[in-house]
Amino acid sequence: MSSDIVTGIIKFGGLTNGRDKFFRLVQYSVKLIWWNLKNKEDVVERLKKIESSMSMTRKLLRLGKSLDFIQAALKSLHISDDVIRWTVTLSKISQSIFLFFDHIIYFHNLGVIKTDKAKWSKVSAEFWFFSLVLNLTRNFYDIANIAKLEMSKKEKKENEIQYSNGDMSSRKSQSPGALSVVQRCVCDNKPVFLDLVKNASDLILPLNTLGKVDASAGVQGFLGIISSAIGVATVWNPNLKLVP
């Protein structure tokens, strides 16, 4: 194992956010596994306990993080682009409220307080869902801007080819195809498209809690693995994280 990988693992493990993303990946992986092994009740029960333990550990790691999101929301008010400013700011506020109610559920599970867990779980899920919708709105806005930029580049290149050759057939043969343009868009803007996949994958989870969809544990586990893996990747390599 190279020293760079070891250094990366140590750095990743030292980050609270890194541990949270890793435990989330384990949590949803275990959910998918026990769903596939539902005929083996003894194994399923043990795996469900592991899943519950991962969930509680993540709630502990996120204690106080609601304040971090409020601070991030205040910083995002200075973003010049109106759409990005309001989608990011409102998303951060929604995430903060979502985590606040998540803290209440955590203390209820510990037995520190007694409250209506089902009620606060649904309220928490509502703010999580709203945050994801805002994130997806920002993602599609970013993609629309990327598409406009690529189209303008393509038109400029076609005009340059036409001007230099004066031959329409030559212009068509040399201009990039639609597929190559899409591939270039994705490769040059990985953070945007990874964030889109992550948010789209997570969307089913709060909807299931709210009873709007009836997703099996297998579907939840699979989608949770996708979004968690992207989360791990963005912590490991900050260049893959969409900012602001």
Protein backbone atom coordinates (compact mmCIF):
# COMPACT_ATOMS: atom_id res chain seq x y z
CA MET A 1 0.00 0.00 0.00
CA SER A 2 1.52 3.31 -1.09
CA SER A 3 2.21 6.09 1.40
CA ASP A 4 -0.25 8.38 -0.42
CA ILE A 5 -3.10 5.92 0.14
CA VAL A 6 -2.15 5.46 3.81
CA THR A 7 -1.98 9.23 4.26
CA GLY A 8 -5.36 9.57 2.53
CA ILE A 9 -6.94 6.94 4.81
CA ILE A 10 -5.57 8.62 7.93
CA LYS A 11 -6.78 12.03 6.76
CA PHE A 12 -10.18 10.63 5.78
CA GLY A 13 -10.60 8.86 9.13
CA GLY A 14 -9.69 12.02 10.99
CA LEU A 15 -12.59 13.92 9.45
CA THR A 16 -15.96 13.70 11.21
CA ASN A 17 -17.68 14.08 7.85
CA GLY A 18 -15.53 11.28 6.44
CA ARG A 19 -16.50 8.89 9.21
CA ASP A 20 -20.16 9.88 8.81
CA LYS A 21 -20.11 9.14 5.06
CA PHE A 22 -18.32 5.81 5.63
CA PHE A 23 -20.77 4.71 8.34
CA ARG A 24 -23.64 5.72 6.04
CA LEU A 25 -22.18 3.53 3.30
CA VAL A 26 -21.96 0.61 5.76
CA GLN A 27 -25.50 1.29 7.03
CA TYR A 28 -27.12 1.08 3.61
CA SER A 29 -24.90 -1.79 2.50
CA VAL A 30 -26.08 -3.79 5.52
CA LYS A 31 -29.70 -2.87 4.72
CA LEU A 32 -29.32 -4.22 1.19
CA ILE A 33 -27.62 -7.38 2.47
CA TRP A 34 -30.27 -8.26 5.07
CA TRP A 35 -33.01 -7.60 2.53
CA ASN A 36 -31.40 -10.21 0.25
CA LEU A 37 -31.07 -12.63 3.18
CA LYS A 38 -34.62 -12.18 4.52
CA ASN A 39 -35.15 -15.96 4.67
CA LYS A 40 -32.37 -16.28 7.27
CA GLU A 41 -34.06 -14.63 10.25
CA ASP A 42 -31.17 -15.00 12.72
CA VAL A 43 -28.69 -13.37 10.33
CA VAL A 44 -31.19 -10.65 9.42
CA GLU A 45 -31.70 -9.71 13.07
CA ARG A 46 -27.95 -9.36 13.64
CA LEU A 47 -27.57 -7.26 10.49
CA LYS A 48 -30.48 -5.03 11.50
CA LYS A 49 -28.74 -4.39 14.82
CA ILE A 50 -25.59 -3.38 12.94
CA GLU A 51 -27.65 -1.07 10.71
CA SER A 52 -29.29 0.50 13.77
CA SER A 53 -25.91 0.92 15.43
CA MET A 54 -24.52 2.68 12.33
CA SER A 55 -27.55 4.98 12.27
CA MET A 56 -27.14 5.92 15.94
CA THR A 57 -23.40 6.47 15.49
CA ARG A 58 -24.06 8.83 12.59
CA LYS A 59 -26.61 10.77 14.63
CA LEU A 60 -23.96 11.20 17.33
CA LEU A 61 -21.36 12.38 14.81
CA ARG A 62 -23.83 14.95 13.44
CA LEU A 63 -24.68 16.51 16.81
CA GLY A 64 -24.24 20.27 16.48
CA LYS A 65 -23.89 20.11 12.71
CA SER A 66 -27.19 21.97 12.35
CA LEU A 67 -25.33 25.08 13.53
CA ASP A 68 -22.67 24.51 10.86
CA PHE A 69 -25.38 24.58 8.19
CA ILE A 70 -26.77 27.86 9.54
CA GLN A 71 -23.28 29.35 9.32
CA ALA A 72 -22.92 28.00 5.75
CA ALA A 73 -26.31 29.52 4.85
CA LEU A 74 -25.16 32.95 6.05
CA LYS A 75 -22.01 32.67 3.95
CA SER A 76 -23.96 31.64 0.85
CA LEU A 77 -25.96 34.89 0.97
CA HIS A 78 -22.96 36.57 -0.66
CA ILE A 79 -23.13 34.44 -3.84
CA SER A 80 -23.67 36.74 -6.83
CA ASP A 81 -25.85 34.40 -8.92
CA ASP A 82 -29.47 34.75 -7.71
CA VAL A 83 -30.57 31.16 -8.45
CA ILE A 84 -27.53 29.57 -6.82
CA ARG A 85 -27.67 31.98 -3.87
CA TRP A 86 -31.26 31.17 -2.93
CA THR A 87 -31.21 27.45 -3.70
CA VAL A 88 -28.01 26.96 -1.70
CA THR A 89 -29.09 29.21 1.19
CA LEU A 90 -32.56 27.71 1.57
CA SER A 91 -31.12 24.20 1.19
CA LYS A 92 -28.64 24.82 4.01
CA ILE A 93 -31.41 26.17 6.25
CA SER A 94 -33.57 23.12 5.47
CA GLN A 95 -30.66 20.78 6.23
CA SER A 96 -30.12 22.58 9.52
CA ILE A 97 -33.77 22.12 10.54
CA PHE A 98 -33.71 18.50 9.33
CA LEU A 99 -30.70 17.79 11.55
CA PHE A 100 -32.21 19.65 14.51
CA PHE A 101 -35.19 17.30 14.54
CA ASP A 102 -32.80 14.41 13.92
CA HIS A 103 -31.06 15.41 17.17
CA ILE A 104 -34.42 15.21 18.98
CA ILE A 105 -34.93 11.68 17.63
CA TYR A 106 -31.41 10.73 18.77
CA PHE A 107 -32.05 11.85 22.37
CA HIS A 108 -35.40 10.05 22.30
CA ASN A 109 -33.65 6.84 21.25
CA LEU A 110 -31.19 7.29 24.11
CA GLY A 111 -34.07 7.67 26.57
CA VAL A 112 -32.99 11.18 27.57
CA ILE A 113 -36.33 12.66 26.47
CA LYS A 114 -39.74 11.26 25.61
CA THR A 115 -41.36 12.52 22.44
CA ASP A 116 -43.42 11.45 19.43
CA LYS A 117 -40.67 9.83 17.36
CA ALA A 118 -42.89 9.10 14.36
CA LYS A 119 -44.06 12.72 14.19
CA TRP A 120 -40.58 14.25 14.35
CA SER A 121 -39.23 11.67 11.90
CA LYS A 122 -41.79 12.85 9.34
CA VAL A 123 -41.07 16.54 10.03
CA SER A 124 -37.36 15.84 9.64
CA ALA A 125 -38.01 13.96 6.38
CA GLU A 126 -40.06 16.88 5.04
CA PHE A 127 -37.15 19.30 5.46
CA TRP A 128 -34.72 16.73 4.04
CA PHE A 129 -36.95 16.34 0.99
CA PHE A 130 -37.23 20.13 0.55
CA SER A 131 -33.44 20.43 0.77
CA LEU A 132 -32.98 17.75 -1.92
CA VAL A 133 -35.50 19.46 -4.23
CA LEU A 134 -33.55 22.72 -3.87
CA ASN A 135 -30.28 20.89 -4.54
CA LEU A 136 -31.71 19.27 -7.66
CA THR A 137 -33.02 22.65 -8.84
CA ARG A 138 -29.50 24.02 -8.53
CA ASN A 139 -28.09 20.95 -10.33
CA PHE A 140 -30.41 21.39 -13.32
CA TYR A 141 -29.65 25.12 -13.39
CA ASP A 142 -25.91 24.35 -13.49
CA ILE A 143 -26.41 21.76 -16.24
CA ALA A 144 -28.47 24.22 -18.29
CA ASN A 145 -25.65 26.77 -18.05
CA ILE A 146 -23.08 24.12 -18.98
CA ALA A 147 -25.16 23.10 -22.01
CA LYS A 148 -25.48 26.74 -23.14
CA LEU A 149 -21.72 27.23 -22.82
CA GLU A 150 -20.95 24.05 -24.76
CA MET A 151 -23.44 24.95 -27.50
CA SER A 152 -21.86 28.38 -27.89
CA LYS A 153 -18.41 26.77 -28.10
CA LYS A 154 -19.69 24.30 -30.69
CA GLU A 155 -21.27 27.06 -32.81
CA LYS A 156 -18.10 29.13 -32.61
CA LYS A 157 -15.98 26.16 -33.70
CA GLU A 158 -18.35 25.36 -36.58
CA ASN A 159 -18.24 28.99 -37.74
CA GLU A 160 -14.44 28.95 -37.61
CA ILE A 161 -14.32 25.73 -39.65
CA GLN A 162 -16.80 27.09 -42.20
CA TYR A 163 -14.86 30.34 -42.49
CA SER A 164 -11.53 28.57 -42.98
CA ASN A 165 -12.78 25.91 -45.41
CA GLY A 166 -15.86 27.43 -47.02
CA ASP A 167 -17.22 23.88 -47.32
CA MET A 168 -20.38 22.74 -45.48
CA SER A 169 -19.56 19.02 -45.81
CA SER A 170 -16.16 19.64 -44.22
CA ARG A 171 -17.85 21.53 -41.39
CA LYS A 172 -20.19 18.62 -40.65
CA SER A 173 -17.42 16.05 -40.69
CA GLN A 174 -15.19 18.04 -38.34
CA SER A 175 -17.79 19.28 -35.86
CA PRO A 176 -18.12 17.13 -32.69
CA GLY A 177 -21.15 14.86 -32.37
CA ALA A 178 -23.81 15.24 -29.69
CA LEU A 179 -22.50 12.23 -27.74
CA SER A 180 -18.95 13.60 -27.59
CA VAL A 181 -20.30 16.95 -26.41
CA VAL A 182 -22.26 15.24 -23.60
CA GLN A 183 -19.21 13.18 -22.60
CA ARG A 184 -17.07 16.32 -22.50
CA CYS A 185 -19.70 18.11 -20.40
CA VAL A 186 -19.74 15.29 -17.86
CA CYS A 187 -15.95 14.84 -17.74
CA ASP A 188 -15.29 18.56 -17.39
CA ASN A 189 -17.98 19.06 -14.74
CA LYS A 190 -17.81 15.91 -12.58
CA PRO A 191 -18.87 17.67 -9.32
CA VAL A 192 -22.15 18.86 -10.86
CA PHE A 193 -23.14 15.47 -12.27
CA LEU A 194 -22.02 13.52 -9.20
CA ASP A 195 -24.08 15.86 -7.02
CA LEU A 196 -27.07 15.34 -9.32
CA VAL A 197 -26.82 11.53 -9.01
CA LYS A 198 -26.37 11.78 -5.23
CA ASN A 199 -29.41 14.02 -4.73
CA ALA A 200 -31.59 11.99 -7.11
CA SER A 201 -30.62 8.77 -5.32
CA ASP A 202 -31.42 10.23 -1.89
CA LEU A 203 -34.80 11.63 -2.95
CA ILE A 204 -36.63 8.31 -2.51
CA LEU A 205 -35.55 8.01 1.15
CA PRO A 206 -37.49 10.93 2.69
CA LEU A 207 -40.42 10.20 0.36
CA ASN A 208 -40.54 6.67 1.77
CA THR A 209 -40.52 8.00 5.34
CA LEU A 210 -43.38 10.37 4.45
CA GLY A 211 -45.37 7.48 2.96
CA LYS A 212 -45.42 9.01 -0.53
CA VAL A 213 -43.74 5.94 -2.01
CA ASP A 214 -43.42 2.35 -0.85
CA ALA A 215 -39.77 1.51 -1.44
CA SER A 216 -38.48 -1.85 -0.26
CA ALA A 217 -35.46 -2.09 2.02
CA GLY A 218 -33.53 -3.37 -0.99
CA VAL A 219 -34.31 -0.28 -3.06
CA GLN A 220 -33.48 1.99 -0.13
CA GLY A 221 -30.23 0.15 0.46
CA PHE A 222 -29.20 0.27 -3.20
CA LEU A 223 -29.92 3.98 -3.61
CA GLY A 224 -28.35 4.73 -0.23
CA ILE A 225 -25.17 2.93 -1.32
CA ILE A 226 -24.95 5.06 -4.49
CA SER A 227 -25.37 8.39 -2.68
CA SER A 228 -23.10 7.29 0.18
CA ALA A 229 -20.34 6.15 -2.19
CA ILE A 230 -20.44 9.55 -3.90
CA GLY A 231 -20.31 11.20 -0.47
CA VAL A 232 -17.24 9.15 0.45
CA ALA A 233 -15.60 10.05 -2.88
CA THR A 234 -16.16 13.79 -2.37
CA VAL A 235 -14.63 13.69 1.10
CA TRP A 236 -11.68 11.63 -0.15
CA ASN A 237 -11.17 13.94 -3.13
CA PRO A 238 -12.51 17.46 -2.41
CA ASN A 239 -12.12 18.33 -6.11
CA LEU A 240 -15.21 16.17 -6.75
CA LYS A 241 -17.35 18.17 -4.32
CA LEU A 242 -19.71 20.78 -5.73
CA VAL A 243 -19.05 24.22 -4.27
CA PRO A 244 -20.50 26.44 -3.01
